[in-house]
Structure formats: structure tokens, C-alpha cells
PDB file of all heavy atoms in Angstrom:
ATOM      1  N   VAL A   1     -19.497 -15.173   0.757  1.00  0.00           N
ATOM      2  CA  VAL A   1     -18.745 -16.242   1.247  1.00  0.00           C
ATOM      3  C   VAL A   1     -17.358 -15.906   1.173  1.00  0.00           C
ATOM      4  O   VAL A   1     -16.774 -15.400   0.284  1.00  0.00           O
ATOM      5  CB  VAL A   1     -19.025 -17.456   0.459  1.00  0.00           C
ATOM      6  CG1 VAL A   1     -18.167 -18.622   0.928  1.00  0.00           C
ATOM      7  CG2 VAL A   1     -20.559 -17.942   0.686  1.00  0.00           C
ATOM      8  N   ASN A   2     -16.659 -16.205   2.352  1.00  0.00           N
ATOM      9  CA  ASN A   2     -15.222 -16.056   2.575  1.00  0.00           C
ATOM     10  C   ASN A   2     -14.782 -14.511   2.813  1.00  0.00           C
ATOM     11  O   ASN A   2     -13.640 -14.292   2.818  1.00  0.00           O
ATOM     12  CB  ASN A   2     -14.376 -16.652   1.487  1.00  0.00           C
ATOM     13  CG  ASN A   2     -14.420 -18.261   1.425  1.00  0.00           C
ATOM     14  OD1 ASN A   2     -14.578 -18.776   2.538  1.00  0.00           O
ATOM     15  ND2 ASN A   2     -14.489 -18.751   0.257  1.00  0.00           N
ATOM     16  N   GLU A   3     -15.686 -13.664   2.970  1.00  0.00           N
ATOM     17  CA  GLU A   3     -15.359 -12.278   3.377  1.00  0.00           C
ATOM     18  C   GLU A   3     -15.125 -12.283   4.921  1.00  0.00           C
ATOM     19  O   GLU A   3     -15.427 -13.181   5.733  1.00  0.00           O
ATOM     20  CB  GLU A   3     -16.378 -11.431   2.978  1.00  0.00           C
ATOM     21  CG  GLU A   3     -16.250 -11.005   1.533  1.00  0.00           C
ATOM     22  CD  GLU A   3     -17.178  -9.735   1.094  1.00  0.00           C
ATOM     23  OE1 GLU A   3     -18.202  -9.521   1.811  1.00  0.00           O
ATOM     24  OE2 GLU A   3     -16.807  -9.085   0.147  1.00  0.00           O
ATOM     25  N   ILE A   4     -14.622 -11.123   5.363  1.00  0.00           N
ATOM     26  CA  ILE A   4     -14.248 -10.864   6.744  1.00  0.00           C
ATOM     27  C   ILE A   4     -15.166  -9.928   7.373  1.00  0.00           C
ATOM     28  O   ILE A   4     -15.553  -8.857   6.610  1.00  0.00           O
ATOM     29  CB  ILE A   4     -12.802 -10.332   6.817  1.00  0.00           C
ATOM     30  CG1 ILE A   4     -11.888 -11.503   6.505  1.00  0.00           C
ATOM     31  CG2 ILE A   4     -12.565  -9.940   8.398  1.00  0.00           C
ATOM     32  CD1 ILE A   4     -10.435 -11.068   6.370  1.00  0.00           C
ATOM     33  N   VAL A   5     -15.668 -10.132   8.517  1.00  0.00           N
ATOM     34  CA  VAL A   5     -16.440  -9.128   9.250  1.00  0.00           C
ATOM     35  C   VAL A   5     -15.450  -8.523  10.354  1.00  0.00           C
ATOM     36  O   VAL A   5     -15.114  -9.239  11.276  1.00  0.00           O
ATOM     37  CB  VAL A   5     -17.673  -9.735   9.922  1.00  0.00           C
ATOM     38  CG1 VAL A   5     -18.485  -8.727  10.648  1.00  0.00           C
ATOM     39  CG2 VAL A   5     -18.629 -10.444   8.826  1.00  0.00           C
ATOM     40  N   ASN A   6     -15.180  -7.243  10.201  1.00  0.00           N
ATOM     41  CA  ASN A   6     -14.332  -6.569  11.244  1.00  0.00           C
ATOM     42  C   ASN A   6     -15.281  -5.985  12.232  1.00  0.00           C
ATOM     43  O   ASN A   6     -16.137  -5.168  11.910  1.00  0.00           O
ATOM     44  CB  ASN A   6     -13.516  -5.468  10.478  1.00  0.00           C
ATOM     45  CG  ASN A   6     -12.463  -6.087   9.677  1.00  0.00           C
ATOM     46  OD1 ASN A   6     -11.547  -6.712  10.178  1.00  0.00           O
ATOM     47  ND2 ASN A   6     -12.513  -5.884   8.266  1.00  0.00           N
ATOM     48  N   VAL A   7     -15.038  -6.316  13.388  1.00  0.00           N
ATOM     49  CA  VAL A   7     -15.998  -5.902  14.511  1.00  0.00           C
ATOM     50  C   VAL A   7     -15.166  -4.944  15.460  1.00  0.00           C
ATOM     51  O   VAL A   7     -14.085  -5.188  15.854  1.00  0.00           O
ATOM     52  CB  VAL A   7     -16.493  -7.087  15.298  1.00  0.00           C
ATOM     53  CG1 VAL A   7     -17.462  -6.597  16.445  1.00  0.00           C
ATOM     54  CG2 VAL A   7     -17.265  -8.045  14.388  1.00  0.00           C
ATOM     55  N   GLU A   8     -15.889  -3.818  15.729  1.00  0.00           N
ATOM     56  CA  GLU A   8     -15.327  -2.856  16.757  1.00  0.00           C
ATOM     57  C   GLU A   8     -16.223  -2.503  17.825  1.00  0.00           C
ATOM     58  O   GLU A   8     -17.446  -2.613  17.631  1.00  0.00           O
ATOM     59  CB  GLU A   8     -14.834  -1.512  16.035  1.00  0.00           C
ATOM     60  CG  GLU A   8     -13.736  -1.741  14.991  1.00  0.00           C
ATOM     61  CD  GLU A   8     -13.307  -0.509  14.283  1.00  0.00           C
ATOM     62  OE1 GLU A   8     -14.275   0.525  14.306  1.00  0.00           O
ATOM     63  OE2 GLU A   8     -12.343  -0.456  13.613  1.00  0.00           O
ATOM     64  N   ALA A   9     -15.774  -2.249  18.959  1.00  0.00           N
ATOM     65  CA  ALA A   9     -16.696  -1.833  20.123  1.00  0.00           C
ATOM     66  C   ALA A   9     -15.882  -0.958  21.087  1.00  0.00           C
ATOM     67  O   ALA A   9     -14.561  -1.092  21.174  1.00  0.00           O
ATOM     68  CB  ALA A   9     -17.157  -3.055  20.729  1.00  0.00           C
ATOM     69  N   PHE A  10     -16.618  -0.163  21.875  1.00  0.00           N
ATOM     70  CA  PHE A  10     -16.098   0.623  23.004  1.00  0.00           C
ATOM     71  C   PHE A  10     -16.261  -0.261  24.179  1.00  0.00           C
ATOM     72  O   PHE A  10     -17.408  -0.660  24.511  1.00  0.00           O
ATOM     73  CB  PHE A  10     -16.720   1.932  23.167  1.00  0.00           C
ATOM     74  CG  PHE A  10     -16.490   2.892  22.055  1.00  0.00           C
ATOM     75  CD1 PHE A  10     -17.212   4.151  22.086  1.00  0.00           C
ATOM     76  CD2 PHE A  10     -15.771   2.662  21.028  1.00  0.00           C
ATOM     77  CE1 PHE A  10     -17.040   5.106  21.060  1.00  0.00           C
ATOM     78  CE2 PHE A  10     -15.532   3.566  20.000  1.00  0.00           C
ATOM     79  CZ  PHE A  10     -16.126   4.788  20.000  1.00  0.00           C
ATOM     80  N   ILE A  11     -15.202  -0.705  24.840  1.00  0.00           N
ATOM     81  CA  ILE A  11     -15.227  -1.567  26.044  1.00  0.00           C
ATOM     82  C   ILE A  11     -14.407  -0.881  27.228  1.00  0.00           C
ATOM     83  O   ILE A  11     -13.327  -0.511  27.043  1.00  0.00           O
ATOM     84  CB  ILE A  11     -14.722  -2.934  25.711  1.00  0.00           C
ATOM     85  CG1 ILE A  11     -15.480  -3.540  24.530  1.00  0.00           C
ATOM     86  CG2 ILE A  11     -14.704  -3.790  26.878  1.00  0.00           C
ATOM     87  CD1 ILE A  11     -14.941  -4.829  24.061  1.00  0.00           C
ATOM     88  N   MET A  12     -15.146  -0.912  28.322  1.00  0.00           N
ATOM     89  CA  MET A  12     -14.501  -0.169  29.386  1.00  0.00           C
ATOM     90  C   MET A  12     -15.124  -0.687  30.768  1.00  0.00           C
ATOM     91  O   MET A  12     -16.183  -1.333  30.772  1.00  0.00           O
ATOM     92  CB  MET A  12     -14.736   1.315  29.443  1.00  0.00           C
ATOM     93  CG  MET A  12     -16.208   1.677  29.559  1.00  0.00           C
ATOM     94  SD  MET A  12     -16.581   3.305  28.725  1.00  0.00           S
ATOM     95  CE  MET A  12     -16.709   2.830  27.057  1.00  0.00           C
ATOM     96  N   ALA A  13     -14.389  -0.455  31.879  1.00  0.00           N
ATOM     97  CA  ALA A  13     -14.759  -0.848  33.169  1.00  0.00           C
ATOM     98  C   ALA A  13     -14.316   0.348  34.102  1.00  0.00           C
ATOM     99  O   ALA A  13     -13.404   1.133  33.816  1.00  0.00           O
ATOM    100  CB  ALA A  13     -14.258  -2.095  33.555  1.00  0.00           C
ATOM    101  N   ASP A  14     -14.835   0.294  35.331  1.00  0.00           N
ATOM    102  CA  ASP A  14     -14.383   1.277  36.390  1.00  0.00           C
ATOM    103  C   ASP A  14     -13.053   0.936  36.783  1.00  0.00           C
ATOM    104  O   ASP A  14     -12.568  -0.371  36.680  1.00  0.00           O
ATOM    105  CB  ASP A  14     -15.329   1.136  37.545  1.00  0.00           C
ATOM    106  CG  ASP A  14     -15.547  -0.177  38.051  1.00  0.00           C
ATOM    107  OD1 ASP A  14     -16.285  -1.076  37.449  1.00  0.00           O
ATOM    108  OD2 ASP A  14     -14.830  -0.543  39.176  1.00  0.00           O
ATOM    109  N   GLY A  15     -12.303   1.769  37.273  1.00  0.00           N
ATOM    110  CA  GLY A  15     -11.006   1.482  37.639  1.00  0.00           C
ATOM    111  C   GLY A  15      -9.919   1.330  36.446  1.00  0.00           C
ATOM    112  O   GLY A  15     -10.111   1.744  35.326  1.00  0.00           O
ATOM    113  N   HIS A  16      -8.912   0.501  36.747  1.00  0.00           N
ATOM    114  CA  HIS A  16      -7.800   0.280  35.803  1.00  0.00           C
ATOM    115  C   HIS A  16      -7.517  -1.156  35.606  1.00  0.00           C
ATOM    116  O   HIS A  16      -6.357  -1.571  35.175  1.00  0.00           O
ATOM    117  CB  HIS A  16      -6.582   0.997  36.166  1.00  0.00           C
ATOM    118  CG  HIS A  16      -6.837   2.513  36.447  1.00  0.00           C
ATOM    119  ND1 HIS A  16      -6.905   3.447  35.515  1.00  0.00           N
ATOM    120  CD2 HIS A  16      -6.961   3.253  37.648  1.00  0.00           C
ATOM    121  CE1 HIS A  16      -7.179   4.614  36.012  1.00  0.00           C
ATOM    122  NE2 HIS A  16      -7.058   4.531  37.397  1.00  0.00           N
ATOM    123  N   ASP A  17      -8.518  -2.057  35.736  1.00  0.00           N
ATOM    124  CA  ASP A  17      -8.254  -3.491  35.659  1.00  0.00           C
ATOM    125  C   ASP A  17      -8.008  -3.917  34.148  1.00  0.00           C
ATOM    126  O   ASP A  17      -8.522  -3.176  33.236  1.00  0.00           O
ATOM    127  CB  ASP A  17      -9.494  -4.344  36.178  1.00  0.00           C
ATOM    128  CG  ASP A  17      -9.507  -4.266  37.701  1.00  0.00           C
ATOM    129  OD1 ASP A  17      -8.496  -3.923  38.351  1.00  0.00           O
ATOM    130  OD2 ASP A  17     -10.593  -4.578  38.272  1.00  0.00           O
ATOM    131  N   VAL A  18      -7.303  -4.986  33.919  1.00  0.00           N
ATOM    132  CA  VAL A  18      -7.076  -5.451  32.709  1.00  0.00           C
ATOM    133  C   VAL A  18      -8.470  -6.213  32.218  1.00  0.00           C
ATOM    134  O   VAL A  18      -9.014  -7.000  32.943  1.00  0.00           O
ATOM    135  CB  VAL A  18      -6.010  -6.608  32.684  1.00  0.00           C
ATOM    136  CG1 VAL A  18      -5.872  -7.260  31.296  1.00  0.00           C
ATOM    137  CG2 VAL A  18      -4.691  -5.902  33.066  1.00  0.00           C
ATOM    138  N   LEU A  19      -8.714  -5.868  30.965  1.00  0.00           N
ATOM    139  CA  LEU A  19     -10.014  -6.405  30.416  1.00  0.00           C
ATOM    140  C   LEU A  19      -9.718  -7.403  29.371  1.00  0.00           C
ATOM    141  O   LEU A  19      -8.708  -7.424  28.699  1.00  0.00           O
ATOM    142  CB  LEU A  19     -10.873  -5.381  29.837  1.00  0.00           C
ATOM    143  CG  LEU A  19     -11.224  -4.164  30.711  1.00  0.00           C
ATOM    144  CD1 LEU A  19     -12.203  -3.221  29.987  1.00  0.00           C
ATOM    145  CD2 LEU A  19     -11.897  -4.611  32.089  1.00  0.00           C
ATOM    146  N   GLY A  20     -10.631  -8.316  29.035  1.00  0.00           N
ATOM    147  CA  GLY A  20     -10.563  -9.205  27.948  1.00  0.00           C
ATOM    148  C   GLY A  20     -11.848  -9.147  27.141  1.00  0.00           C
ATOM    149  O   GLY A  20     -12.892  -8.696  27.629  1.00  0.00           O
ATOM    150  N   ALA A  21     -11.816  -9.400  25.906  1.00  0.00           N
ATOM    151  CA  ALA A  21     -12.999  -9.313  24.974  1.00  0.00           C
ATOM    152  C   ALA A  21     -12.879 -10.259  23.812  1.00  0.00           C
ATOM    153  O   ALA A  21     -11.806 -10.624  23.343  1.00  0.00           O
ATOM    154  CB  ALA A  21     -13.192  -7.925  24.426  1.00  0.00           C
ATOM    155  N   SER A  22     -14.049 -10.787  23.431  1.00  0.00           N
ATOM    156  CA  SER A  22     -14.103 -11.757  22.379  1.00  0.00           C
ATOM    157  C   SER A  22     -15.275 -11.412  21.424  1.00  0.00           C
ATOM    158  O   SER A  22     -16.274 -10.817  21.834  1.00  0.00           O
ATOM    159  CB  SER A  22     -14.289 -13.166  22.766  1.00  0.00           C
ATOM    160  OG  SER A  22     -13.018 -13.643  23.351  1.00  0.00           O
ATOM    161  N   ILE A  23     -15.211 -11.837  20.147  1.00  0.00           N
ATOM    162  CA  ILE A  23     -16.363 -11.909  19.318  1.00  0.00           C
ATOM    163  C   ILE A  23     -16.876 -13.371  19.442  1.00  0.00           C
ATOM    164  O   ILE A  23     -16.123 -14.297  19.166  1.00  0.00           O
ATOM    165  CB  ILE A  23     -16.046 -11.539  17.824  1.00  0.00           C
ATOM    166  CG1 ILE A  23     -15.354 -10.169  17.784  1.00  0.00           C
ATOM    167  CG2 ILE A  23     -17.352 -11.535  17.070  1.00  0.00           C
ATOM    168  CD1 ILE A  23     -14.620  -9.973  16.455  1.00  0.00           C
ATOM    169  N   LEU A  24     -18.189 -13.491  19.630  1.00  0.00           N
ATOM    170  CA  LEU A  24     -18.834 -14.825  19.587  1.00  0.00           C
ATOM    171  C   LEU A  24     -19.614 -14.835  18.242  1.00  0.00           C
ATOM    172  O   LEU A  24     -20.344 -13.817  18.032  1.00  0.00           O
ATOM    173  CB  LEU A  24     -19.651 -14.973  20.753  1.00  0.00           C
ATOM    174  CG  LEU A  24     -18.980 -14.947  22.111  1.00  0.00           C
ATOM    175  CD1 LEU A  24     -19.893 -15.262  23.314  1.00  0.00           C
ATOM    176  CD2 LEU A  24     -17.871 -16.024  22.176  1.00  0.00           C
ATOM    177  N   TYR A  25     -19.580 -15.821  17.533  1.00  0.00           N
ATOM    178  CA  TYR A  25     -20.283 -15.866  16.141  1.00  0.00           C
ATOM    179  C   TYR A  25     -20.643 -17.340  15.790  1.00  0.00           C
ATOM    180  O   TYR A  25     -20.015 -18.239  16.308  1.00  0.00           O
ATOM    181  CB  TYR A  25     -19.491 -15.294  15.026  1.00  0.00           C
ATOM    182  CG  TYR A  25     -18.265 -15.984  14.749  1.00  0.00           C
ATOM    183  CD1 TYR A  25     -18.142 -16.867  13.676  1.00  0.00           C
ATOM    184  CD2 TYR A  25     -17.102 -15.789  15.430  1.00  0.00           C
ATOM    185  CE1 TYR A  25     -16.942 -17.549  13.397  1.00  0.00           C
ATOM    186  CE2 TYR A  25     -15.813 -16.471  15.187  1.00  0.00           C
ATOM    187  CZ  TYR A  25     -15.847 -17.284  14.187  1.00  0.00           C
ATOM    188  OH  TYR A  25     -14.724 -18.011  13.882  1.00  0.00           O
ATOM    189  N   LYS A  26     -21.748 -17.424  15.074  1.00  0.00           N
ATOM    190  CA  LYS A  26     -22.061 -18.792  14.638  1.00  0.00           C
ATOM    191  C   LYS A  26     -23.053 -18.613  13.355  1.00  0.00           C
ATOM    192  O   LYS A  26     -23.774 -17.706  13.285  1.00  0.00           O
ATOM    193  CB  LYS A  26     -22.809 -19.639  15.752  1.00  0.00           C
ATOM    194  CG  LYS A  26     -24.136 -19.022  16.196  1.00  0.00           C
ATOM    195  CD  LYS A  26     -24.746 -20.029  17.151  1.00  0.00           C
ATOM    196  CE  LYS A  26     -26.136 -19.507  17.705  1.00  0.00           C
ATOM    197  NZ  LYS A  26     -26.835 -20.296  18.653  1.00  0.00           N
TER     198      LYS A  26
END
């Protein structure tokens, strides 16, 4: 209880568009 979960991921798309990302949790 009260610890932190640090989440990492490789996220990419074709081209050079700006991306957005979130962690969803419950």
C-alpha cells in the first residue's frame, strides 16, 4: 500500500507525428 508502480513502454508510429500516451489503472 502506497507504493509506486513505474511503467515504461516503447511507443511509436509511422512518420513523425506527435504522440500521446497514458497509463490507465484501477
